[in-house]
Amino acid sequence: MSQHLVLSFIGEDRPGLVERLSDTISRHHGNWLESRMAHLADKFAGILTLSVPLEHQEALINALRNFEKLGLHVTVEAANQSVWKGQLCLCLLLEMTDQVLLKKCLKYCTLLWLT
């Protein structure tokens, strides 16, 4: 089973920060799902979601805390959404051909993604 995590970060912009974040997530068996990043007022800021197997979650969070040494403040929050539910719903959508069922499933999936 996997856990969704939401990370927010802000700090001095430096070359290679995104690559280091990505490498850290990958080394701990995480999967980078979605992100938004920006350069604002001489700061590098962003938010991202990832999934990580439960058995690697604590080690990943500890590794992300080490980014403070690089001047990047990282906040980690566990998301309430189960990765499995989202994947299952997406698979169902790919197989749907009946428009009425498709609309019902879309409504259900929208609720899943927002909760």
Protein backbone atom coordinates (compact mmCIF):
# COMPACT_ATOMS: atom_id res chain seq x y z
CA MET A 1 0.00 0.00 0.00
CA SER A 2 1.17 3.52 -0.80
CA GLN A 3 0.62 6.88 0.85
CA HIS A 4 0.15 10.21 -0.91
CA LEU A 5 2.31 13.00 0.44
CA VAL A 6 2.02 16.70 -0.35
CA LEU A 7 5.25 18.69 -0.15
CA SER A 8 5.62 22.43 -0.15
CA PHE A 9 9.02 24.08 -0.32
CA ILE A 10 10.63 27.48 -0.48
CA GLY A 11 14.22 28.64 -0.41
CA GLU A 12 17.09 30.19 -2.29
CA ASP A 13 17.11 29.15 -5.93
CA ARG A 14 20.12 26.98 -6.74
CA PRO A 15 21.00 24.90 -9.78
CA GLY A 16 20.11 21.25 -9.32
CA LEU A 17 17.50 21.56 -6.54
CA VAL A 18 14.73 19.89 -8.55
CA GLU A 19 17.10 17.12 -9.60
CA ARG A 20 18.11 16.55 -5.96
CA LEU A 21 14.46 16.43 -4.87
CA SER A 22 13.68 13.98 -7.66
CA ASP A 23 16.67 11.78 -6.84
CA THR A 24 15.76 11.73 -3.14
CA ILE A 25 12.17 10.74 -3.88
CA SER A 26 13.28 8.06 -6.34
CA ARG A 27 15.92 6.62 -3.97
CA HIS A 28 13.17 6.09 -1.40
CA HIS A 29 10.89 4.33 -3.91
CA GLY A 30 8.64 7.37 -4.28
CA ASN A 31 6.73 8.36 -7.38
CA TRP A 32 6.55 12.09 -8.26
CA LEU A 33 2.94 12.62 -9.37
CA GLU A 34 2.35 16.31 -9.93
CA SER A 35 4.03 19.61 -9.18
CA ARG A 36 3.91 23.36 -9.57
CA MET A 37 7.07 25.42 -9.16
CA ALA A 38 7.92 29.08 -9.54
CA HIS A 39 10.66 31.60 -9.06
CA LEU A 40 9.13 34.38 -6.93
CA ALA A 41 10.90 37.38 -5.39
CA ASP A 42 14.32 35.73 -5.60
CA LYS A 43 12.95 32.55 -4.03
CA PHE A 44 12.30 29.13 -5.48
CA ALA A 45 8.91 27.86 -4.33
CA GLY A 46 6.77 24.88 -5.13
CA ILE A 47 4.28 22.24 -4.19
CA LEU A 48 4.21 18.63 -5.29
CA THR A 49 2.39 15.40 -4.67
CA LEU A 50 4.00 12.01 -4.57
CA SER A 51 3.20 8.48 -3.60
CA VAL A 52 5.51 6.32 -1.54
CA PRO A 53 5.18 2.78 -0.18
CA LEU A 54 4.32 2.93 3.51
CA GLU A 55 7.48 1.04 4.47
CA HIS A 56 9.64 3.82 2.91
CA GLN A 57 7.60 6.84 4.05
CA GLU A 58 9.49 7.65 7.26
CA ALA A 59 12.92 7.37 5.62
CA LEU A 60 11.81 9.63 2.76
CA ILE A 61 10.45 12.28 5.12
CA ASN A 62 13.72 12.23 7.09
CA ALA A 63 15.72 12.60 3.86
CA LEU A 64 13.55 15.54 2.77
CA ARG A 65 14.25 17.28 6.09
CA ASN A 66 17.93 17.32 5.14
CA PHE A 67 17.15 19.87 2.43
CA GLU A 68 17.19 22.51 5.19
CA LYS A 69 20.99 22.26 5.00
CA LEU A 70 20.74 23.42 1.39
CA GLY A 71 18.55 26.37 2.33
CA LEU A 72 15.31 24.76 1.13
CA HIS A 73 12.54 24.63 3.73
CA VAL A 74 10.39 21.54 3.00
CA THR A 75 7.03 20.84 4.64
CA VAL A 76 5.50 17.38 4.29
CA GLU A 77 1.83 16.55 4.83
CA ALA A 78 0.15 13.17 4.46
CA ALA A 79 -2.81 13.36 2.10
CA ASN A 80 -6.08 11.63 2.93
CA GLN A 81 -6.58 10.24 -0.56
CA SER A 82 -5.60 6.67 -1.17
CA VAL A 83 -3.45 6.21 -4.27
CA TRP A 84 -5.16 2.90 -4.99
CA LYS A 85 -8.65 4.44 -5.26
CA GLY A 86 -7.50 6.99 -7.81
CA GLN A 87 -5.73 4.37 -9.91
CA LEU A 88 -8.72 2.02 -9.81
CA CYS A 89 -11.12 4.75 -10.86
CA LEU A 90 -8.87 5.80 -13.73
CA CYS A 91 -8.75 2.19 -14.97
CA LEU A 92 -12.53 2.02 -14.91
CA LEU A 93 -12.77 5.18 -17.00
CA LEU A 94 -10.56 3.72 -19.67
CA GLU A 95 -12.94 0.77 -20.11
CA MET A 96 -16.23 2.73 -20.10
CA THR A 97 -18.26 2.96 -23.32
CA ASP A 98 -21.76 3.57 -21.91
CA GLN A 99 -22.21 7.37 -21.66
CA VAL A 100 -24.61 7.23 -18.68
CA LEU A 101 -22.23 5.04 -16.70
CA LEU A 102 -19.31 7.19 -17.77
CA LYS A 103 -20.99 10.34 -16.42
CA LYS A 104 -21.75 8.61 -13.11
CA CYS A 105 -18.18 7.38 -12.83
CA LEU A 106 -16.79 10.83 -13.66
CA LYS A 107 -18.90 12.34 -10.92
CA TYR A 108 -17.67 9.70 -8.46
CA CYS A 109 -14.03 10.12 -9.50
CA THR A 110 -14.24 13.88 -9.14
CA LEU A 111 -15.41 13.35 -5.57
CA LEU A 112 -12.58 10.92 -4.94
CA TRP A 113 -9.97 13.35 -6.20
CA LEU A 114 -11.31 16.25 -4.15
CA THR A 115 -11.65 14.48 -0.80
